[in-house]
Amino acid sequence: MDLATLWFWIVAALFVGYFVLDGFDFGVGMSLPFLSKDDTDRRVLINTIGPVWDLNETWVIVAGAALFAAFPEWYATLFSGFYLALLLILLALIARGVSFEYRHQRPEAEWKKRFDWMIIVGSAVPALLWGVAFANIVQGVPLDEGHNYTGTLIDLLNPYALLGGLTTLLLFFTHGVVFVSLKTDGDIRVRARKLAVRSGLITIVVAASFLVWTGLAFGGAWFWGFAAVAALCLIGSWLMNARGAEGWSFGLMAVTIGTAVLALFSALFPDVMPASNDPANSLTIANASSSDYTLTIMSWTALIFLPLVLAYQGWTYWIFRKRLTREHIPAAAH
């Protein structure tokens, strides 16, 4: 395996980390109107991800930086062609982050309600648009000879891409609800488990439809292998949740999202940005990557620092591993 191919899969692994970790953050945010009965419930939900959401979000920065350094042509085409969609994701992430920090600054119910909706929308928009973006990358977009995107934002909202967006939206929602059942106790835990049972069934149907469509149109042997693992783990996660085994359910859901991302990257390989109008205009691993010297330096950097990042993140989750209940939220606190 040459360095360019290695970094293609490293970028894939970084997006796996981002979607698995920030995915349940999105799900928790989207679950606020479904799981909370009052402000105390909403504070419990927000506190389940309070210590980790910003750490989880840094994975997208690392993935974007790796993409820029390892595949500058891919980065340029993607971020210029998908500019409006990625801008909406960025604005949503900013709104969500601001809401976490400012929601508790004033006691008025209306003040908190506005920031709650910013959390909900700021979670749902990225959950939807990331799926739309990756579905468009896999199926290909119109590119000219200079690898510039020649379509519009409306062209990105095609049926296949919207199904991809709905798939990630439901996967992240269910992932987040399962996380709530894992991190809480009492009535909210029971409600989260029941909601995950209902949303999980819908997720299984929608995700299966998207994977089958992708496999029939773009998939090869590796895609079907990853897709099969994702499907089995998604069903297993639903069964474990129904039995009350939240830890197993959450772990299997994480594997589901990870293998689904790898399935999409395997369907894309060896392209990185297929041209739907003319295959000759496609960006591939070979013509989009940086020099071997650059990739060598990046490889040594990743080898040194990535284990440190993983160790720190693992330690953070261990420190904040305990379940939360309403009793942890004083009623008089703002």
Protein backbone atom coordinates (compact mmCIF):
# COMPACT_ATOMS: atom_id res chain seq x y z
CA MET A 1 0.00 0.00 0.00
CA ASP A 2 1.46 3.37 -1.01
CA LEU A 3 1.28 6.41 1.25
CA ALA A 4 -1.54 8.08 -0.70
CA THR A 5 -3.73 5.02 -0.30
CA LEU A 6 -2.77 4.77 3.37
CA TRP A 7 -3.87 8.35 3.95
CA PHE A 8 -7.12 7.76 2.11
CA TRP A 9 -7.95 5.19 4.79
CA ILE A 10 -6.60 7.38 7.58
CA VAL A 11 -8.98 10.13 6.46
CA ALA A 12 -11.75 7.50 6.46
CA ALA A 13 -10.78 6.49 10.02
CA LEU A 14 -10.87 10.12 11.17
CA PHE A 15 -14.39 10.54 9.79
CA VAL A 16 -15.35 7.28 11.51
CA GLY A 17 -14.18 8.80 14.79
CA TYR A 18 -16.05 12.02 14.12
CA PHE A 19 -19.36 10.42 13.16
CA VAL A 20 -19.27 7.90 16.00
CA LEU A 21 -18.43 10.51 18.65
CA ASP A 22 -20.15 13.68 17.49
CA GLY A 23 -22.95 11.52 16.11
CA PHE A 24 -24.35 10.75 19.54
CA ASP A 25 -23.93 14.42 20.47
CA PHE A 26 -26.22 15.26 17.55
CA GLY A 27 -28.64 12.57 18.67
CA VAL A 28 -28.81 13.87 22.22
CA GLY A 29 -29.45 17.38 20.93
CA MET A 30 -32.23 16.20 18.62
CA SER A 31 -33.82 14.18 21.43
CA LEU A 32 -34.62 17.22 23.62
CA PRO A 33 -38.27 17.62 22.49
CA PHE A 34 -38.88 13.86 22.68
CA LEU A 35 -37.32 12.94 26.02
CA SER A 36 -37.68 16.02 28.21
CA LYS A 37 -40.78 16.86 30.23
CA ASP A 38 -39.37 19.96 31.92
CA ASP A 39 -36.24 22.06 32.23
CA THR A 40 -34.62 19.62 34.67
CA ASP A 41 -34.92 16.81 32.11
CA ARG A 42 -33.40 19.01 29.44
CA ARG A 43 -30.50 19.85 31.74
CA VAL A 44 -29.93 16.16 32.42
CA LEU A 45 -29.84 15.47 28.68
CA ILE A 46 -27.43 18.33 27.97
CA ASN A 47 -25.19 17.31 30.87
CA THR A 48 -24.78 13.79 29.45
CA ILE A 49 -22.63 15.30 26.69
CA GLY A 50 -21.53 18.45 28.51
CA PRO A 51 -18.00 17.24 29.37
CA VAL A 52 -17.28 15.69 25.96
CA TRP A 53 -19.14 17.44 23.14
CA ASP A 54 -16.38 19.93 22.34
CA LEU A 55 -13.74 17.19 22.42
CA ASN A 56 -15.85 15.08 20.06
CA GLU A 57 -16.25 18.00 17.69
CA THR A 58 -12.49 18.45 17.29
CA TRP A 59 -12.41 15.24 15.23
CA VAL A 60 -13.94 17.08 12.27
CA ILE A 61 -11.17 19.69 12.50
CA VAL A 62 -8.52 16.96 12.46
CA ALA A 63 -10.27 15.19 9.57
CA GLY A 64 -10.48 18.44 7.59
CA ALA A 65 -6.83 19.28 8.29
CA ALA A 66 -5.73 15.78 7.23
CA LEU A 67 -7.80 16.08 4.06
CA PHE A 68 -6.25 19.47 3.28
CA ALA A 69 -2.68 18.26 3.83
CA ALA A 70 -2.93 14.81 2.25
CA PHE A 71 -5.32 15.55 -0.63
CA PRO A 72 -5.27 19.30 -1.39
CA GLU A 73 -7.02 18.87 -4.76
CA TRP A 74 -9.84 16.91 -3.11
CA TYR A 75 -10.11 19.49 -0.35
CA ALA A 76 -10.24 22.37 -2.83
CA THR A 77 -12.93 20.79 -4.99
CA LEU A 78 -15.01 19.62 -2.05
CA PHE A 79 -14.95 22.83 -0.03
CA SER A 80 -15.50 25.10 -3.03
CA GLY A 81 -18.21 22.98 -4.66
CA PHE A 82 -20.05 22.15 -1.44
CA TYR A 83 -19.44 25.59 0.03
CA LEU A 84 -23.04 26.48 0.94
CA ALA A 85 -23.81 23.07 2.43
CA LEU A 86 -20.61 23.08 4.51
CA LEU A 87 -21.27 26.67 5.57
CA LEU A 88 -24.69 25.63 6.87
CA ILE A 89 -23.02 22.82 8.83
CA LEU A 90 -20.49 25.27 10.29
CA LEU A 91 -23.17 27.78 11.29
CA ALA A 92 -25.22 25.01 12.89
CA LEU A 93 -22.20 23.78 14.88
CA ILE A 94 -21.49 27.35 16.04
CA ALA A 95 -25.12 27.85 17.10
CA ARG A 96 -25.09 24.56 19.01
CA GLY A 97 -21.84 25.38 20.79
CA VAL A 98 -23.02 28.86 21.75
CA SER A 99 -26.26 27.40 23.11
CA PHE A 100 -24.45 24.98 25.43
CA GLU A 101 -22.51 27.88 26.94
CA TYR A 102 -25.25 30.55 27.12
CA ARG A 103 -28.38 28.57 27.93
CA HIS A 104 -27.80 28.69 31.68
CA GLN A 105 -26.75 32.33 31.84
CA ARG A 106 -30.28 33.62 32.55
CA PRO A 107 -33.19 32.06 34.48
CA GLU A 108 -36.06 33.09 32.15
CA ALA A 109 -37.89 30.18 30.53
CA GLU A 110 -38.12 31.97 27.17
CA TRP A 111 -34.36 32.55 27.14
CA LYS A 112 -33.70 28.85 27.70
CA LYS A 113 -36.33 27.82 25.17
CA ARG A 114 -34.63 29.79 22.40
CA PHE A 115 -31.27 28.17 23.08
CA ASP A 116 -32.90 24.75 23.34
CA TRP A 117 -34.19 25.16 19.80
CA MET A 118 -30.74 26.28 18.67
CA ILE A 119 -29.36 23.02 20.12
CA ILE A 120 -32.05 20.97 18.35
CA VAL A 121 -31.60 22.66 14.96
CA GLY A 122 -27.83 22.90 15.41
CA SER A 123 -27.77 19.13 15.87
CA ALA A 124 -30.26 18.15 13.15
CA VAL A 125 -28.78 20.24 10.32
CA PRO A 126 -25.26 18.68 10.44
CA ALA A 127 -26.74 15.22 10.99
CA LEU A 128 -28.71 15.60 7.77
CA LEU A 129 -26.21 17.49 5.62
CA TRP A 130 -23.21 15.25 6.37
CA GLY A 131 -25.16 12.35 4.89
CA VAL A 132 -26.18 14.45 1.90
CA ALA A 133 -22.55 15.47 1.31
CA PHE A 134 -21.08 11.97 1.53
CA ALA A 135 -23.82 10.48 -0.64
CA ASN A 136 -23.04 13.06 -3.33
CA ILE A 137 -19.33 12.32 -3.09
CA VAL A 138 -19.95 8.60 -3.60
CA GLN A 139 -22.33 8.97 -6.55
CA GLY A 140 -20.27 11.71 -8.16
CA VAL A 141 -20.91 15.32 -9.09
CA PRO A 142 -20.34 17.29 -12.32
CA LEU A 143 -16.73 18.48 -12.56
CA ASP A 144 -14.94 20.39 -15.33
CA GLU A 145 -11.43 19.66 -16.59
CA GLY A 146 -9.95 21.72 -13.75
CA HIS A 147 -11.83 19.57 -11.19
CA ASN A 148 -14.19 22.44 -10.34
CA TYR A 149 -17.76 21.64 -9.33
CA THR A 150 -20.15 22.93 -12.00
CA GLY A 151 -23.50 22.20 -10.32
CA THR A 152 -25.60 24.09 -7.77
CA LEU A 153 -26.79 23.52 -4.22
CA ILE A 154 -30.11 22.24 -5.60
CA ASP A 155 -28.24 19.59 -7.61
CA LEU A 156 -26.87 18.22 -4.34
CA LEU A 157 -30.41 17.70 -3.02
CA ASN A 158 -31.17 14.73 -5.25
CA PRO A 159 -33.17 11.66 -4.11
CA TYR A 160 -30.13 9.46 -3.43
CA ALA A 161 -28.36 12.18 -1.43
CA LEU A 162 -31.49 13.03 0.55
CA LEU A 163 -31.88 9.35 1.44
CA GLY A 164 -28.26 9.41 2.61
CA GLY A 165 -29.02 12.47 4.73
CA LEU A 166 -32.09 10.86 6.24
CA THR A 167 -30.00 7.77 7.03
CA THR A 168 -27.35 9.70 8.96
CA LEU A 169 -30.05 11.77 10.68
CA LEU A 170 -31.80 8.64 11.97
CA LEU A 171 -28.58 6.80 12.80
CA PHE A 172 -27.29 9.71 14.86
CA PHE A 173 -30.67 10.23 16.53
CA THR A 174 -30.91 6.60 17.61
CA HIS A 175 -27.22 6.59 18.58
CA GLY A 176 -27.83 9.60 20.82
CA VAL A 177 -30.97 8.18 22.42
CA VAL A 178 -29.14 4.95 23.23
CA PHE A 179 -26.36 7.06 24.75
CA VAL A 180 -28.93 8.80 26.93
CA SER A 181 -30.19 5.44 28.19
CA LEU A 182 -26.58 4.49 28.92
CA LYS A 183 -25.75 7.72 30.77
CA THR A 184 -28.91 8.29 32.79
CA ASP A 185 -31.04 6.49 35.34
CA GLY A 186 -34.64 6.58 36.43
CA ASP A 187 -37.62 7.55 34.31
CA ILE A 188 -35.61 9.31 31.61
CA ARG A 189 -33.57 6.16 31.07
CA VAL A 190 -36.74 4.12 30.57
CA ARG A 191 -38.16 6.68 28.15
CA ALA A 192 -34.91 6.78 26.19
CA ARG A 193 -34.86 3.00 25.84
CA LYS A 194 -38.46 2.95 24.57
CA LEU A 195 -37.77 5.77 22.11
CA ALA A 196 -34.67 3.96 20.81
CA VAL A 197 -36.80 0.88 20.14
CA ARG A 198 -39.19 2.91 17.98
CA SER A 199 -36.59 5.03 16.20
CA GLY A 200 -34.35 1.99 15.73
CA LEU A 201 -36.96 0.19 13.65
CA ILE A 202 -37.31 3.17 11.31
CA THR A 203 -33.53 3.52 11.16
CA ILE A 204 -33.10 -0.13 10.15
CA VAL A 205 -35.52 0.26 7.23
CA VAL A 206 -34.08 3.56 5.97
CA ALA A 207 -30.43 2.55 6.41
CA ALA A 208 -31.02 -0.78 4.66
CA SER A 209 -32.62 1.04 1.71
CA PHE A 210 -29.66 3.40 1.43
CA LEU A 211 -27.04 0.64 1.69
CA VAL A 212 -28.80 -1.53 -0.91
CA TRP A 213 -29.12 1.43 -3.30
CA THR A 214 -25.45 2.30 -2.80
CA GLY A 215 -24.32 -1.30 -3.23
CA LEU A 216 -26.29 -1.90 -6.41
CA ALA A 217 -25.14 1.38 -7.98
CA PHE A 218 -21.56 1.78 -6.76
CA GLY A 219 -20.52 -1.09 -4.47
CA GLY A 220 -18.01 -3.87 -4.84
CA ALA A 221 -17.01 -6.82 -2.68
CA TRP A 222 -15.48 -4.67 0.09
CA PHE A 223 -18.57 -2.47 0.21
CA TRP A 224 -20.89 -5.44 0.67
CA GLY A 225 -18.65 -6.82 3.39
CA PHE A 226 -18.69 -3.58 5.39
CA ALA A 227 -22.41 -3.08 4.70
CA ALA A 228 -23.22 -6.57 5.97
CA VAL A 229 -21.37 -5.93 9.24
CA ALA A 230 -23.13 -2.56 9.60
CA ALA A 231 -26.54 -4.15 9.02
CA LEU A 232 -25.95 -6.98 11.49
CA CYS A 233 -24.63 -4.61 14.16
CA LEU A 234 -27.58 -2.23 13.68
CA ILE A 235 -30.05 -5.06 14.20
CA GLY A 236 -27.98 -6.34 17.13
CA SER A 237 -27.97 -2.87 18.69
CA TRP A 238 -31.75 -2.72 18.45
CA LEU A 239 -32.13 -6.15 20.07
CA MET A 240 -29.70 -5.31 22.88
CA ASN A 241 -31.51 -2.05 23.57
CA ALA A 242 -34.85 -3.86 23.71
CA ARG A 243 -33.35 -6.22 26.31
CA GLY A 244 -32.01 -3.30 28.38
CA ALA A 245 -28.33 -3.95 27.62
CA GLU A 246 -27.47 -0.30 26.89
CA GLY A 247 -23.70 -0.80 26.86
CA TRP A 248 -23.85 -3.50 24.19
CA SER A 249 -26.43 -1.50 22.26
CA PHE A 250 -24.26 1.62 22.24
CA GLY A 251 -21.14 -0.33 21.26
CA LEU A 252 -22.90 -2.08 18.39
CA MET A 253 -24.34 1.22 17.19
CA ALA A 254 -20.83 2.70 17.16
CA VAL A 255 -19.63 -0.24 15.06
CA THR A 256 -22.65 0.25 12.78
CA ILE A 257 -21.75 3.87 12.07
CA GLY A 258 -18.04 3.08 11.71
CA THR A 259 -18.51 0.24 9.23
CA ALA A 260 -21.13 2.24 7.30
CA VAL A 261 -18.58 5.04 6.82
CA LEU A 262 -15.95 2.52 5.72
CA ALA A 263 -18.49 1.03 3.30
CA LEU A 264 -18.96 4.44 1.67
CA PHE A 265 -15.20 4.99 1.40
CA SER A 266 -14.76 1.51 -0.11
CA ALA A 267 -17.47 2.33 -2.68
CA LEU A 268 -15.57 5.53 -3.48
CA PHE A 269 -12.12 3.91 -3.77
CA PRO A 270 -9.90 4.55 -5.76
CA ASP A 271 -11.64 7.82 -6.60
CA VAL A 272 -11.95 10.60 -4.08
CA MET A 273 -14.34 12.79 -6.09
CA PRO A 274 -15.92 11.03 -9.10
CA ALA A 275 -17.10 13.21 -11.98
CA SER A 276 -20.64 12.25 -12.94
CA ASN A 277 -20.45 14.05 -16.30
CA ASP A 278 -17.09 12.70 -17.53
CA PRO A 279 -14.96 10.05 -15.73
CA ALA A 280 -11.85 11.70 -17.19
CA ASN A 281 -12.48 14.69 -14.92
CA SER A 282 -12.60 12.59 -11.75
CA LEU A 283 -10.27 13.16 -8.84
CA THR A 284 -8.50 10.00 -7.75
CA ILE A 285 -6.15 9.08 -4.93
CA ALA A 286 -3.26 9.37 -7.38
CA ASN A 287 -4.00 12.78 -8.90
CA ALA A 288 -5.35 14.46 -5.75
CA SER A 289 -2.68 13.56 -3.20
CA SER A 290 0.30 15.49 -1.89
CA SER A 291 3.92 14.49 -2.50
CA ASP A 292 5.41 11.41 -0.87
CA TYR A 293 7.64 13.65 1.25
CA THR A 294 4.62 15.48 2.68
CA LEU A 295 2.78 12.24 3.32
CA THR A 296 5.83 10.75 5.03
CA ILE A 297 6.07 13.66 7.47
CA MET A 298 2.33 13.42 8.12
CA SER A 299 2.60 9.69 8.77
CA TRP A 300 5.28 10.13 11.44
CA THR A 301 3.29 12.99 13.01
CA ALA A 302 0.15 10.87 13.15
CA LEU A 303 2.09 7.91 14.57
CA ILE A 304 3.37 10.05 17.44
CA PHE A 305 0.37 12.20 18.33
CA LEU A 306 -2.72 10.15 17.46
CA PRO A 307 -2.18 7.63 20.29
CA LEU A 308 -1.85 10.54 22.73
CA VAL A 309 -5.13 12.03 21.54
CA LEU A 310 -6.89 8.67 21.83
CA ALA A 311 -5.49 8.12 25.32
CA TYR A 312 -6.64 11.54 26.48
CA GLN A 313 -10.11 11.03 25.03
CA GLY A 314 -10.40 7.60 26.63
CA TRP A 315 -9.34 9.04 29.98
CA THR A 316 -11.98 11.80 29.67
CA TYR A 317 -14.76 9.29 29.07
CA TRP A 318 -13.57 7.20 32.00
CA ILE A 319 -13.63 10.19 34.36
CA PHE A 320 -17.20 11.12 33.33
CA ARG A 321 -18.53 7.56 33.13
CA LYS A 322 -21.17 7.76 35.90
CA ARG A 323 -24.89 7.91 35.19
CA LEU A 324 -26.87 11.11 35.70
CA THR A 325 -30.29 11.51 37.30
CA ARG A 326 -32.65 14.37 38.06
CA GLU A 327 -31.27 14.35 41.61
CA HIS A 328 -27.93 15.56 40.23
CA ILE A 329 -29.67 18.73 38.99
CA PRO A 330 -30.74 21.01 41.86
CA ALA A 331 -34.21 22.40 41.16
CA ALA A 332 -33.24 25.88 42.25
CA ALA A 333 -30.20 26.11 39.97
CA HIS A 334 -30.43 28.31 36.89
